[in-house]
Amino acid sequence: MATAQQSPITSKPAPGGGVILPPSQEKMLQKFDLSIALTLSTWPALTLSVQNSWGGPNSAEKRDWFAGAISELFSSTPNADTVVDVEYLEEFLLQVMNDEFEVNVEDGSGEEVAAKIVGLRKLCGRGDFELVDEMLGRWRERQARGGERVSFQRMQEGDDDEDEEEDSDDDEDEEVDDEDVEMDDAPELVKAPKEKIVPKVDEEGFTEVVGKKRR
């Protein structure tokens, strides 16, 4: 479980007298884990990857694992609140999308998702859950209209050693929730090339990367 960044939290006076005790560390961690899953549920690149089974027939389970992997990244990295910044997390997100779903996300949304998760971590570490609760409320509204579920699967030791290669031949169309993905705003997704990519130098001395297209 990730350790959320924590700043001094003081008790607040409760209406009618008494004090409101600060949230426990366990609750802060639970809220941060929830915020990760909710954030991933609204990432169009990941939603399209799951709905099109680009990660194989277990694409939905991979999304659940993805949330756990992000939490594990924070908990397993020394000085995570300093080391795991937006740029670091963005690289991790894009690498997982490439490795697990064979998709290159080139629309800048990886940075947006990373920035949101880093920001939510700071809020949860201060015991501020207002934004997470708002996100949960919006997710519940989508579920009431038939949206997809959000779940969180924690990484287990040895998961990194398991290499599952599954291809999907399922061409069934799945309905896309308009609230999650607007087709006009769909990200630029490029299936990751399997062939080795090599640099090519043109006549003016500029280097370009070329590779065969996936069919």
N, C-alpha and C. Protein backbone atom coordinates (compact mmCIF):
# COMPACT_ATOMS: atom_id res chain seq x y z
N MET A 1 0.84 -1.18 0.00
CA MET A 1 0.00 0.00 0.00
C MET A 1 0.88 1.24 0.00
N ALA A 2 0.53 2.22 -0.83
CA ALA A 2 1.35 3.41 -0.93
C ALA A 2 1.25 4.24 0.34
N THR A 3 2.32 4.92 0.68
CA THR A 3 2.32 5.82 1.82
C THR A 3 2.09 7.23 1.32
N ALA A 4 0.94 7.80 1.62
CA ALA A 4 0.60 9.12 1.11
C ALA A 4 1.45 10.17 1.79
N GLN A 5 1.77 11.23 1.02
CA GLN A 5 2.53 12.33 1.58
C GLN A 5 1.72 12.95 2.71
N GLN A 6 2.34 13.23 3.82
CA GLN A 6 1.61 13.71 4.96
C GLN A 6 2.23 14.97 5.50
N SER A 7 1.42 16.01 5.65
CA SER A 7 1.84 17.26 6.27
C SER A 7 1.12 17.35 7.60
N PRO A 8 1.55 18.23 8.50
CA PRO A 8 0.92 18.30 9.82
C PRO A 8 -0.59 18.47 9.72
N ILE A 9 -1.32 17.62 10.41
CA ILE A 9 -2.78 17.68 10.42
C ILE A 9 -3.24 17.97 11.84
N THR A 10 -4.03 18.98 12.00
CA THR A 10 -4.51 19.36 13.34
C THR A 10 -5.99 19.07 13.46
N SER A 11 -6.43 18.85 14.69
CA SER A 11 -7.84 18.61 14.93
C SER A 11 -8.63 19.89 14.70
N LYS A 12 -9.88 19.72 14.23
CA LYS A 12 -10.74 20.87 13.97
C LYS A 12 -11.91 20.86 14.93
N PRO A 13 -12.39 22.06 15.30
CA PRO A 13 -13.56 22.10 16.18
C PRO A 13 -14.79 21.57 15.48
N ALA A 14 -15.57 20.76 16.18
CA ALA A 14 -16.78 20.19 15.60
C ALA A 14 -17.97 21.09 15.92
N PRO A 15 -18.95 21.12 15.03
CA PRO A 15 -20.16 21.91 15.30
C PRO A 15 -20.80 21.45 16.60
N GLY A 16 -21.15 22.39 17.45
CA GLY A 16 -21.79 22.05 18.71
C GLY A 16 -20.81 21.68 19.81
N GLY A 17 -19.51 21.90 19.57
CA GLY A 17 -18.52 21.58 20.59
C GLY A 17 -17.74 20.33 20.26
N GLY A 18 -16.66 20.11 20.98
CA GLY A 18 -15.81 18.96 20.73
C GLY A 18 -14.87 19.23 19.58
N VAL A 19 -14.15 18.20 19.16
CA VAL A 19 -13.20 18.34 18.05
C VAL A 19 -13.38 17.20 17.06
N ILE A 20 -13.03 17.48 15.81
CA ILE A 20 -13.04 16.46 14.77
C ILE A 20 -11.63 15.91 14.66
N LEU A 21 -11.47 14.63 14.93
CA LEU A 21 -10.15 14.03 14.88
C LEU A 21 -9.66 13.95 13.44
N PRO A 22 -8.36 14.11 13.21
CA PRO A 22 -7.82 13.99 11.85
C PRO A 22 -7.99 12.57 11.33
N PRO A 23 -8.07 12.39 10.02
CA PRO A 23 -8.24 11.04 9.46
C PRO A 23 -7.02 10.18 9.76
N SER A 24 -7.27 8.89 9.87
CA SER A 24 -6.18 7.96 10.13
C SER A 24 -5.32 7.78 8.88
N GLN A 25 -4.10 7.28 9.09
CA GLN A 25 -3.21 7.00 7.96
C GLN A 25 -3.85 5.98 7.02
N GLU A 26 -4.53 5.00 7.60
CA GLU A 26 -5.18 3.97 6.79
C GLU A 26 -6.23 4.57 5.87
N LYS A 27 -7.02 5.51 6.41
CA LYS A 27 -8.06 6.13 5.59
C LYS A 27 -7.44 6.97 4.49
N MET A 28 -6.36 7.69 4.78
CA MET A 28 -5.70 8.49 3.76
C MET A 28 -5.19 7.62 2.62
N LEU A 29 -4.63 6.46 2.97
CA LEU A 29 -4.12 5.55 1.96
C LEU A 29 -5.26 4.95 1.13
N GLN A 30 -6.36 4.62 1.79
CA GLN A 30 -7.51 4.07 1.08
C GLN A 30 -8.07 5.09 0.09
N LYS A 31 -8.13 6.34 0.51
CA LYS A 31 -8.63 7.39 -0.37
C LYS A 31 -7.70 7.61 -1.56
N PHE A 32 -6.40 7.54 -1.32
CA PHE A 32 -5.45 7.71 -2.42
C PHE A 32 -5.58 6.57 -3.41
N ASP A 33 -5.67 5.33 -2.91
CA ASP A 33 -5.85 4.18 -3.80
C ASP A 33 -7.12 4.35 -4.64
N LEU A 34 -8.20 4.81 -3.99
CA LEU A 34 -9.46 5.02 -4.70
C LEU A 34 -9.29 6.09 -5.77
N SER A 35 -8.56 7.14 -5.44
CA SER A 35 -8.37 8.23 -6.40
C SER A 35 -7.62 7.77 -7.64
N ILE A 36 -6.69 6.84 -7.47
CA ILE A 36 -5.95 6.30 -8.62
C ILE A 36 -6.90 5.57 -9.56
N ALA A 37 -7.71 4.67 -9.01
CA ALA A 37 -8.65 3.90 -9.83
C ALA A 37 -9.65 4.81 -10.52
N LEU A 38 -10.14 5.82 -9.82
CA LEU A 38 -11.10 6.75 -10.42
C LEU A 38 -10.47 7.56 -11.53
N THR A 39 -9.22 7.97 -11.34
CA THR A 39 -8.52 8.74 -12.37
C THR A 39 -8.32 7.91 -13.63
N LEU A 40 -7.90 6.66 -13.46
CA LEU A 40 -7.69 5.79 -14.62
C LEU A 40 -9.01 5.52 -15.35
N SER A 41 -10.11 5.50 -14.62
CA SER A 41 -11.41 5.20 -15.25
C SER A 41 -11.84 6.29 -16.20
N THR A 42 -11.27 7.49 -16.09
CA THR A 42 -11.65 8.60 -16.96
C THR A 42 -10.57 8.93 -17.98
N TRP A 43 -9.56 8.07 -18.12
CA TRP A 43 -8.50 8.29 -19.11
C TRP A 43 -8.97 7.68 -20.43
N PRO A 44 -9.31 8.49 -21.43
CA PRO A 44 -9.83 7.95 -22.69
C PRO A 44 -8.92 6.93 -23.35
N ALA A 45 -7.61 7.16 -23.30
CA ALA A 45 -6.67 6.22 -23.93
C ALA A 45 -6.80 4.83 -23.34
N LEU A 46 -6.90 4.75 -22.02
CA LEU A 46 -7.02 3.46 -21.36
C LEU A 46 -8.40 2.86 -21.58
N THR A 47 -9.44 3.69 -21.53
CA THR A 47 -10.80 3.21 -21.76
C THR A 47 -10.94 2.57 -23.14
N LEU A 48 -10.41 3.24 -24.16
CA LEU A 48 -10.47 2.69 -25.51
C LEU A 48 -9.66 1.40 -25.63
N SER A 49 -8.53 1.35 -24.94
CA SER A 49 -7.69 0.16 -24.98
C SER A 49 -8.41 -1.05 -24.39
N VAL A 50 -9.13 -0.81 -23.30
CA VAL A 50 -9.87 -1.89 -22.64
C VAL A 50 -11.06 -2.31 -23.49
N GLN A 51 -11.81 -1.34 -24.00
CA GLN A 51 -13.01 -1.66 -24.76
C GLN A 51 -12.70 -2.35 -26.09
N ASN A 52 -11.52 -2.10 -26.63
CA ASN A 52 -11.11 -2.74 -27.88
C ASN A 52 -10.22 -3.96 -27.64
N SER A 53 -10.03 -4.32 -26.36
CA SER A 53 -9.23 -5.50 -25.99
C SER A 53 -7.83 -5.46 -26.57
N TRP A 54 -7.23 -4.27 -26.59
CA TRP A 54 -5.87 -4.15 -27.11
C TRP A 54 -4.85 -4.79 -26.17
N GLY A 55 -5.26 -5.03 -24.95
CA GLY A 55 -4.38 -5.74 -24.02
C GLY A 55 -4.71 -7.22 -23.93
N GLY A 56 -5.52 -7.71 -24.86
CA GLY A 56 -5.94 -9.10 -24.84
C GLY A 56 -7.29 -9.24 -24.16
N PRO A 57 -7.79 -10.47 -24.05
CA PRO A 57 -9.12 -10.70 -23.47
C PRO A 57 -9.22 -10.32 -22.00
N ASN A 58 -8.08 -10.16 -21.32
CA ASN A 58 -8.10 -9.77 -19.90
C ASN A 58 -7.75 -8.29 -19.73
N SER A 59 -8.12 -7.47 -20.71
CA SER A 59 -7.77 -6.05 -20.66
C SER A 59 -8.36 -5.34 -19.44
N ALA A 60 -9.58 -5.68 -19.07
CA ALA A 60 -10.20 -5.04 -17.92
C ALA A 60 -9.44 -5.36 -16.64
N GLU A 61 -8.99 -6.62 -16.52
CA GLU A 61 -8.21 -7.00 -15.35
C GLU A 61 -6.86 -6.27 -15.33
N LYS A 62 -6.31 -6.04 -16.52
CA LYS A 62 -5.05 -5.30 -16.58
C LYS A 62 -5.22 -3.88 -16.10
N ARG A 63 -6.37 -3.27 -16.37
CA ARG A 63 -6.64 -1.92 -15.87
C ARG A 63 -6.68 -1.92 -14.34
N ASP A 64 -7.31 -2.94 -13.76
CA ASP A 64 -7.35 -3.03 -12.30
C ASP A 64 -5.94 -3.19 -11.74
N TRP A 65 -5.14 -4.03 -12.41
CA TRP A 65 -3.75 -4.23 -11.99
C TRP A 65 -2.96 -2.93 -12.12
N PHE A 66 -3.25 -2.17 -13.16
CA PHE A 66 -2.57 -0.90 -13.42
C PHE A 66 -2.67 0.03 -12.22
N ALA A 67 -3.88 0.13 -11.64
CA ALA A 67 -4.07 0.99 -10.48
C ALA A 67 -3.21 0.53 -9.31
N GLY A 68 -3.16 -0.78 -9.09
CA GLY A 68 -2.33 -1.32 -8.03
C GLY A 68 -0.85 -1.09 -8.28
N ALA A 69 -0.45 -1.14 -9.55
CA ALA A 69 0.96 -0.93 -9.90
C ALA A 69 1.39 0.50 -9.60
N ILE A 70 0.48 1.46 -9.82
CA ILE A 70 0.80 2.86 -9.52
C ILE A 70 0.97 3.05 -8.01
N SER A 71 0.06 2.47 -7.23
CA SER A 71 0.17 2.55 -5.78
C SER A 71 1.47 1.92 -5.31
N GLU A 72 1.82 0.77 -5.90
CA GLU A 72 3.05 0.08 -5.54
C GLU A 72 4.27 0.91 -5.90
N LEU A 73 4.18 1.66 -7.00
CA LEU A 73 5.30 2.51 -7.40
C LEU A 73 5.62 3.53 -6.31
N PHE A 74 4.58 4.14 -5.75
CA PHE A 74 4.80 5.12 -4.69
C PHE A 74 5.33 4.47 -3.42
N SER A 75 4.79 3.31 -3.07
CA SER A 75 5.18 2.68 -1.81
C SER A 75 6.56 2.04 -1.86
N SER A 76 6.99 1.66 -3.06
CA SER A 76 8.27 0.95 -3.17
C SER A 76 9.44 1.85 -3.54
N THR A 77 9.17 3.10 -3.86
CA THR A 77 10.23 4.02 -4.26
C THR A 77 10.68 4.85 -3.06
N PRO A 78 11.96 4.77 -2.69
CA PRO A 78 12.46 5.61 -1.58
C PRO A 78 12.26 7.09 -1.89
N ASN A 79 11.84 7.84 -0.87
CA ASN A 79 11.58 9.28 -1.04
C ASN A 79 10.62 9.52 -2.21
N ALA A 80 9.56 8.74 -2.26
CA ALA A 80 8.64 8.78 -3.40
C ALA A 80 8.06 10.16 -3.63
N ASP A 81 7.79 10.91 -2.57
CA ASP A 81 7.15 12.21 -2.74
C ASP A 81 8.06 13.21 -3.42
N THR A 82 9.34 12.91 -3.44
CA THR A 82 10.30 13.75 -4.16
C THR A 82 10.65 13.15 -5.51
N VAL A 83 10.84 11.85 -5.53
CA VAL A 83 11.29 11.16 -6.75
C VAL A 83 10.17 11.00 -7.77
N VAL A 84 9.00 10.55 -7.30
CA VAL A 84 7.90 10.27 -8.22
C VAL A 84 7.14 11.58 -8.48
N ASP A 85 7.69 12.39 -9.38
CA ASP A 85 7.02 13.61 -9.77
C ASP A 85 6.19 13.36 -11.03
N VAL A 86 5.64 14.42 -11.61
CA VAL A 86 4.76 14.26 -12.77
C VAL A 86 5.50 13.61 -13.94
N GLU A 87 6.71 14.05 -14.22
CA GLU A 87 7.46 13.50 -15.34
C GLU A 87 7.77 12.02 -15.13
N TYR A 88 8.18 11.67 -13.91
CA TYR A 88 8.53 10.28 -13.59
C TYR A 88 7.29 9.39 -13.75
N LEU A 89 6.16 9.85 -13.21
CA LEU A 89 4.94 9.05 -13.27
C LEU A 89 4.42 8.95 -14.70
N GLU A 90 4.54 10.02 -15.46
CA GLU A 90 4.09 9.99 -16.86
C GLU A 90 4.85 8.92 -17.63
N GLU A 91 6.15 8.85 -17.45
CA GLU A 91 6.95 7.83 -18.14
C GLU A 91 6.49 6.43 -17.76
N PHE A 92 6.17 6.25 -16.48
CA PHE A 92 5.69 4.94 -16.01
C PHE A 92 4.35 4.60 -16.67
N LEU A 93 3.43 5.57 -16.71
CA LEU A 93 2.11 5.34 -17.30
C LEU A 93 2.24 4.96 -18.78
N LEU A 94 3.03 5.71 -19.51
CA LEU A 94 3.17 5.46 -20.94
C LEU A 94 3.86 4.12 -21.21
N GLN A 95 4.80 3.75 -20.33
CA GLN A 95 5.48 2.47 -20.51
C GLN A 95 4.52 1.30 -20.31
N VAL A 96 3.65 1.42 -19.29
CA VAL A 96 2.66 0.36 -19.05
C VAL A 96 1.69 0.28 -20.22
N MET A 97 1.24 1.42 -20.73
CA MET A 97 0.33 1.41 -21.88
C MET A 97 0.98 0.71 -23.07
N ASN A 98 2.27 0.95 -23.26
CA ASN A 98 2.99 0.34 -24.36
C ASN A 98 3.17 -1.16 -24.15
N ASP A 99 3.63 -1.52 -22.95
CA ASP A 99 3.94 -2.92 -22.66
C ASP A 99 2.69 -3.80 -22.56
N GLU A 100 1.66 -3.30 -21.88
CA GLU A 100 0.49 -4.13 -21.58
C GLU A 100 -0.62 -4.03 -22.63
N PHE A 101 -0.72 -2.86 -23.31
CA PHE A 101 -1.80 -2.69 -24.29
C PHE A 101 -1.29 -2.45 -25.71
N GLU A 102 0.05 -2.43 -25.87
CA GLU A 102 0.67 -2.21 -27.17
C GLU A 102 0.15 -0.92 -27.81
N VAL A 103 0.07 0.12 -27.02
CA VAL A 103 -0.44 1.40 -27.49
C VAL A 103 0.53 2.52 -27.10
N ASN A 104 0.82 3.38 -28.05
CA ASN A 104 1.59 4.59 -27.77
C ASN A 104 0.61 5.75 -27.65
N VAL A 105 0.60 6.43 -26.52
CA VAL A 105 -0.29 7.57 -26.32
C VAL A 105 0.50 8.82 -26.64
N GLU A 106 0.07 9.55 -27.66
CA GLU A 106 0.84 10.68 -28.15
C GLU A 106 0.07 11.99 -28.08
N ASP A 107 -0.99 12.04 -27.27
CA ASP A 107 -1.81 13.25 -27.22
C ASP A 107 -1.56 14.10 -25.98
N GLY A 108 -0.57 13.72 -25.16
CA GLY A 108 -0.27 14.50 -23.96
C GLY A 108 -1.14 14.15 -22.77
N SER A 109 -2.06 13.20 -22.93
CA SER A 109 -2.95 12.87 -21.82
C SER A 109 -2.23 12.14 -20.70
N GLY A 110 -1.10 11.48 -21.03
CA GLY A 110 -0.35 10.81 -19.97
C GLY A 110 0.15 11.79 -18.93
N GLU A 111 0.60 12.95 -19.38
CA GLU A 111 1.06 13.98 -18.45
C GLU A 111 -0.09 14.50 -17.59
N GLU A 112 -1.26 14.67 -18.20
CA GLU A 112 -2.42 15.15 -17.46
C GLU A 112 -2.83 14.17 -16.37
N VAL A 113 -2.84 12.88 -16.71
CA VAL A 113 -3.21 11.86 -15.73
C VAL A 113 -2.17 11.82 -14.60
N ALA A 114 -0.90 11.89 -14.96
CA ALA A 114 0.17 11.86 -13.96
C ALA A 114 0.05 13.06 -13.01
N ALA A 115 -0.20 14.24 -13.57
CA ALA A 115 -0.31 15.45 -12.75
C ALA A 115 -1.50 15.34 -11.79
N LYS A 116 -2.59 14.75 -12.26
CA LYS A 116 -3.78 14.61 -11.41
C LYS A 116 -3.51 13.66 -10.26
N ILE A 117 -2.85 12.54 -10.55
CA ILE A 117 -2.56 11.56 -9.49
C ILE A 117 -1.60 12.14 -8.46
N VAL A 118 -0.56 12.84 -8.92
CA VAL A 118 0.39 13.46 -7.99
C VAL A 118 -0.32 14.49 -7.12
N GLY A 119 -1.21 15.27 -7.72
CA GLY A 119 -1.97 16.26 -6.95
C GLY A 119 -2.90 15.62 -5.93
N LEU A 120 -3.54 14.54 -6.32
CA LEU A 120 -4.44 13.84 -5.41
C LEU A 120 -3.67 13.21 -4.26
N ARG A 121 -2.48 12.75 -4.53
CA ARG A 121 -1.65 12.19 -3.46
C ARG A 121 -1.36 13.24 -2.39
N LYS A 122 -1.05 14.44 -2.82
CA LYS A 122 -0.77 15.51 -1.87
C LYS A 122 -2.01 15.87 -1.06
N LEU A 123 -3.17 15.93 -1.74
CA LEU A 123 -4.41 16.24 -1.03
C LEU A 123 -4.74 15.16 0.00
N CYS A 124 -4.65 13.91 -0.41
CA CYS A 124 -4.96 12.81 0.51
C CYS A 124 -3.99 12.80 1.68
N GLY A 125 -2.73 13.15 1.42
CA GLY A 125 -1.75 13.19 2.50
C GLY A 125 -2.04 14.27 3.52
N ARG A 126 -2.82 15.27 3.14
CA ARG A 126 -3.22 16.34 4.06
C ARG A 126 -4.58 16.05 4.69
N GLY A 127 -5.17 14.93 4.30
CA GLY A 127 -6.48 14.60 4.84
C GLY A 127 -7.61 15.32 4.13
N ASP A 128 -7.33 15.85 2.94
CA ASP A 128 -8.34 16.57 2.15
C ASP A 128 -8.90 15.61 1.11
N PHE A 129 -10.11 15.13 1.34
CA PHE A 129 -10.71 14.13 0.45
C PHE A 129 -11.84 14.69 -0.40
N GLU A 130 -12.00 16.00 -0.41
CA GLU A 130 -13.14 16.60 -1.11
C GLU A 130 -13.14 16.26 -2.60
N LEU A 131 -11.99 16.39 -3.26
CA LEU A 131 -11.92 16.11 -4.69
C LEU A 131 -12.16 14.63 -4.97
N VAL A 132 -11.60 13.74 -4.15
CA VAL A 132 -11.81 12.30 -4.34
C VAL A 132 -13.29 11.97 -4.21
N ASP A 133 -13.95 12.57 -3.21
CA ASP A 133 -15.37 12.30 -3.02
C ASP A 133 -16.20 12.83 -4.19
N GLU A 134 -15.80 13.97 -4.76
CA GLU A 134 -16.50 14.49 -5.93
C GLU A 134 -16.33 13.55 -7.12
N MET A 135 -15.12 13.05 -7.29
CA MET A 135 -14.85 12.10 -8.38
C MET A 135 -15.68 10.84 -8.21
N LEU A 136 -15.78 10.36 -6.97
CA LEU A 136 -16.57 9.16 -6.69
C LEU A 136 -18.04 9.40 -6.99
N GLY A 137 -18.52 10.60 -6.65
CA GLY A 137 -19.91 10.94 -6.94
C GLY A 137 -20.20 10.94 -8.43
N ARG A 138 -19.27 11.50 -9.22
CA ARG A 138 -19.46 11.52 -10.67
C ARG A 138 -19.41 10.11 -11.25
N TRP A 139 -18.52 9.27 -10.67
CA TRP A 139 -18.43 7.89 -11.14
C TRP A 139 -19.74 7.15 -10.86
N ARG A 140 -20.32 7.36 -9.68
CA ARG A 140 -21.58 6.71 -9.34
C ARG A 140 -22.70 7.14 -10.27
N GLU A 141 -22.68 8.41 -10.68
CA GLU A 141 -23.69 8.88 -11.63
C GLU A 141 -23.54 8.16 -12.96
N ARG A 142 -22.29 7.96 -13.38
CA ARG A 142 -22.07 7.24 -14.64
C ARG A 142 -22.54 5.79 -14.52
N GLN A 143 -22.30 5.18 -13.37
CA GLN A 143 -22.74 3.79 -13.17
C GLN A 143 -24.26 3.69 -13.24
N ALA A 144 -24.95 4.71 -12.71
CA ALA A 144 -26.41 4.71 -12.75
C ALA A 144 -26.93 4.77 -14.18
N ARG A 145 -26.10 5.32 -15.07
CA ARG A 145 -26.47 5.39 -16.48
C ARG A 145 -25.89 4.22 -17.27
N GLY A 146 -25.33 3.24 -16.57
CA GLY A 146 -24.82 2.06 -17.24
C GLY A 146 -23.35 2.12 -17.58
N GLY A 147 -22.59 2.96 -16.88
CA GLY A 147 -21.16 3.07 -17.14
C GLY A 147 -20.41 1.86 -16.62
N GLU A 148 -19.09 1.86 -16.86
CA GLU A 148 -18.27 0.74 -16.44
C GLU A 148 -17.91 0.84 -14.96
N ARG A 149 -17.58 -0.30 -14.38
CA ARG A 149 -17.19 -0.35 -12.99
C ARG A 149 -15.74 0.12 -12.83
N VAL A 150 -15.37 0.50 -11.62
CA VAL A 150 -13.98 0.82 -11.29
C VAL A 150 -13.58 -0.09 -10.15
N SER A 151 -12.49 -0.78 -10.28
CA SER A 151 -12.01 -1.63 -9.19
C SER A 151 -10.52 -1.45 -9.05
N PHE A 152 -9.98 -1.93 -7.96
CA PHE A 152 -8.57 -1.73 -7.65
C PHE A 152 -7.97 -3.07 -7.26
N GLN A 153 -6.91 -3.45 -7.93
CA GLN A 153 -6.24 -4.72 -7.65
C GLN A 153 -4.81 -4.44 -7.22
N ARG A 154 -4.48 -4.82 -5.99
CA ARG A 154 -3.15 -4.54 -5.47
C ARG A 154 -2.15 -5.53 -6.05
N MET A 155 -0.94 -5.05 -6.34
CA MET A 155 0.10 -5.92 -6.88
C MET A 155 0.56 -6.90 -5.81
N GLN A 156 0.89 -8.11 -6.25
CA GLN A 156 1.43 -9.11 -5.36
C GLN A 156 2.87 -9.40 -5.76
N GLU A 157 3.66 -9.85 -4.81
CA GLU A 157 5.04 -10.19 -5.12
C GLU A 157 5.09 -11.26 -6.19
N GLY A 158 5.99 -11.07 -7.16
CA GLY A 158 6.12 -12.02 -8.24
C GLY A 158 5.32 -11.65 -9.47
N ASP A 159 4.45 -10.60 -9.37
CA ASP A 159 3.66 -10.21 -10.52
C ASP A 159 4.54 -9.80 -11.68
N ASP A 160 5.66 -9.14 -11.38
CA ASP A 160 6.54 -8.66 -12.45
C ASP A 160 7.17 -9.81 -13.22
N ASP A 161 7.23 -11.01 -12.59
CA ASP A 161 7.87 -12.14 -13.24
C ASP A 161 6.92 -12.91 -14.13
N GLU A 162 5.62 -12.60 -13.99
CA GLU A 162 4.64 -13.32 -14.79
C GLU A 162 4.47 -12.62 -16.12
N ASP A 163 4.73 -13.35 -17.19
CA ASP A 163 4.66 -12.78 -18.53
C ASP A 163 3.53 -13.45 -19.28
N GLU A 164 2.41 -12.73 -19.41
CA GLU A 164 1.27 -13.31 -20.09
C GLU A 164 1.12 -12.65 -21.44
N GLU A 165 1.12 -13.48 -22.49
CA GLU A 165 0.95 -12.96 -23.83
C GLU A 165 -0.32 -13.56 -24.40
N GLU A 166 -1.35 -12.72 -24.47
CA GLU A 166 -2.63 -13.19 -24.96
C GLU A 166 -3.11 -12.26 -26.05
N ASP A 167 -3.57 -12.83 -27.15
CA ASP A 167 -4.09 -12.05 -28.26
C ASP A 167 -5.60 -12.22 -28.31
N SER A 168 -6.29 -11.15 -28.68
CA SER A 168 -7.75 -11.21 -28.74
C SER A 168 -8.22 -11.20 -30.19
N ASP A 169 -9.08 -12.16 -30.52
CA ASP A 169 -9.69 -12.21 -31.85
C ASP A 169 -11.15 -11.79 -31.77
N ASP A 170 -11.52 -11.22 -30.62
CA ASP A 170 -12.90 -10.84 -30.39
C ASP A 170 -13.17 -9.51 -31.08
N ASP A 171 -14.02 -9.54 -32.10
CA ASP A 171 -14.33 -8.33 -32.86
C ASP A 171 -15.68 -7.73 -32.48
N GLU A 172 -16.24 -8.19 -31.36
CA GLU A 172 -17.55 -7.69 -30.97
C GLU A 172 -17.44 -6.23 -30.60
N ASP A 173 -18.40 -5.44 -31.06
CA ASP A 173 -18.42 -4.02 -30.73
C ASP A 173 -18.99 -3.83 -29.34
N GLU A 174 -18.39 -2.91 -28.59
CA GLU A 174 -18.88 -2.59 -27.26
C GLU A 174 -19.27 -1.13 -27.24
N GLU A 175 -20.38 -0.85 -26.58
CA GLU A 175 -20.88 0.51 -26.51
C GLU A 175 -19.97 1.36 -25.65
N VAL A 176 -19.63 2.55 -26.11
CA VAL A 176 -18.76 3.46 -25.38
C VAL A 176 -19.61 4.46 -24.63
N ASP A 177 -19.37 4.60 -23.35
CA ASP A 177 -20.09 5.55 -22.53
C ASP A 177 -19.68 6.96 -22.94
N ASP A 178 -20.65 7.77 -23.40
CA ASP A 178 -20.33 9.11 -23.87
C ASP A 178 -19.69 9.96 -22.79
N GLU A 179 -20.00 9.66 -21.54
CA GLU A 179 -19.44 10.46 -20.45
C GLU A 179 -17.94 10.19 -20.30
N ASP A 180 -17.51 8.97 -20.65
CA ASP A 180 -16.11 8.62 -20.50
C ASP A 180 -15.29 9.02 -21.71
N VAL A 181 -15.83 8.81 -22.92
CA VAL A 181 -15.06 9.07 -24.14
C VAL A 181 -15.92 9.78 -25.15
N GLU A 182 -15.58 11.01 -25.48
CA GLU A 182 -16.20 11.71 -26.57
C GLU A 182 -15.37 11.42 -27.81
N MET A 183 -15.99 10.91 -28.87
CA MET A 183 -15.24 10.50 -30.03
C MET A 183 -14.51 11.67 -30.68
N ASP A 184 -15.07 12.90 -30.57
CA ASP A 184 -14.38 14.06 -31.14
C ASP A 184 -13.10 14.36 -30.38
N ASP A 185 -13.03 13.93 -29.13
CA ASP A 185 -11.87 14.21 -28.30
C ASP A 185 -11.01 12.96 -28.09
N ALA A 186 -11.23 11.93 -28.91
CA ALA A 186 -10.48 10.68 -28.73
C ALA A 186 -9.00 10.95 -28.90
N PRO A 187 -8.16 10.35 -28.05
CA PRO A 187 -6.72 10.59 -28.13
C PRO A 187 -6.11 9.94 -29.36
N GLU A 188 -4.96 10.46 -29.75
CA GLU A 188 -4.23 9.89 -30.86
C GLU A 188 -3.50 8.65 -30.36
N LEU A 189 -4.01 7.49 -30.73
CA LEU A 189 -3.44 6.24 -30.25
C LEU A 189 -2.74 5.53 -31.40
N VAL A 190 -1.55 5.06 -31.15
CA VAL A 190 -0.78 4.35 -32.16
C VAL A 190 -0.37 3.01 -31.58
N LYS A 191 -0.78 1.92 -32.25
CA LYS A 191 -0.37 0.61 -31.77
C LYS A 191 1.15 0.52 -31.81
N ALA A 192 1.76 0.05 -30.74
CA ALA A 192 3.21 0.01 -30.65
C ALA A 192 3.79 -0.95 -31.68
N PRO A 193 4.83 -0.54 -32.42
CA PRO A 193 5.40 -1.42 -33.44
C PRO A 193 6.13 -2.59 -32.83
N LYS A 194 5.98 -3.76 -33.44
CA LYS A 194 6.70 -4.95 -33.00
C LYS A 194 8.08 -5.01 -33.64
N GLU A 195 8.20 -4.45 -34.89
CA GLU A 195 9.47 -4.50 -35.58
C GLU A 195 10.47 -3.57 -34.92
N LYS A 196 11.74 -3.87 -35.11
CA LYS A 196 12.79 -3.03 -34.56
C LYS A 196 12.82 -1.71 -35.30
N ILE A 197 12.85 -0.63 -34.55
CA ILE A 197 12.85 0.70 -35.13
C ILE A 197 14.30 1.17 -35.26
N VAL A 198 14.65 1.69 -36.44
CA VAL A 198 16.02 2.10 -36.68
C VAL A 198 16.05 3.56 -37.11
N PRO A 199 17.11 4.30 -36.77
CA PRO A 199 17.20 5.70 -37.19
C PRO A 199 17.60 5.80 -38.65
N LYS A 200 17.11 6.85 -39.33
CA LYS A 200 17.44 7.09 -40.71
C LYS A 200 17.88 8.54 -40.85
N VAL A 201 19.00 8.77 -41.50
CA VAL A 201 19.53 10.12 -41.67
C VAL A 201 19.23 10.58 -43.08
N ASP A 202 18.53 11.75 -43.21
CA ASP A 202 18.21 12.24 -44.53
C ASP A 202 19.36 13.05 -45.11
N GLU A 203 19.14 13.62 -46.32
CA GLU A 203 20.20 14.32 -47.02
C GLU A 203 20.68 15.55 -46.27
N GLU A 204 19.81 16.16 -45.46
CA GLU A 204 20.18 17.37 -44.72
C GLU A 204 20.82 17.05 -43.38
N GLY A 205 20.99 15.79 -43.10
CA GLY A 205 21.65 15.41 -41.86
C GLY A 205 20.73 15.24 -40.67
N PHE A 206 19.39 15.36 -40.90
CA PHE A 206 18.46 15.19 -39.80
C PHE A 206 18.15 13.71 -39.62
N THR A 207 18.00 13.31 -38.38
CA THR A 207 17.72 11.91 -38.08
C THR A 207 16.24 11.73 -37.83
N GLU A 208 15.66 10.74 -38.49
CA GLU A 208 14.26 10.42 -38.23
C GLU A 208 14.15 8.95 -37.88
N VAL A 209 13.14 8.63 -37.10
CA VAL A 209 12.94 7.24 -36.71
C VAL A 209 11.90 6.62 -37.61
N VAL A 210 12.22 5.50 -38.19
CA VAL A 210 11.30 4.84 -39.10
C VAL A 210 11.11 3.41 -38.67
N GLY A 211 9.97 2.85 -38.98
CA GLY A 211 9.71 1.45 -38.66
C GLY A 211 8.50 1.00 -39.43
N LYS A 212 8.31 -0.29 -39.54
CA LYS A 212 7.16 -0.81 -40.29
C LYS A 212 5.89 -0.59 -39.50
N LYS A 213 4.82 -0.35 -40.23
CA LYS A 213 3.53 -0.20 -39.58
C LYS A 213 2.96 -1.54 -39.21
N ARG A 214 2.24 -1.57 -38.09
CA ARG A 214 1.50 -2.80 -37.75
C ARG A 214 0.29 -2.88 -38.64
N ARG A 215 -0.02 -4.07 -39.06
CA ARG A 215 -1.23 -4.25 -39.87
C ARG A 215 -2.42 -4.40 -38.96
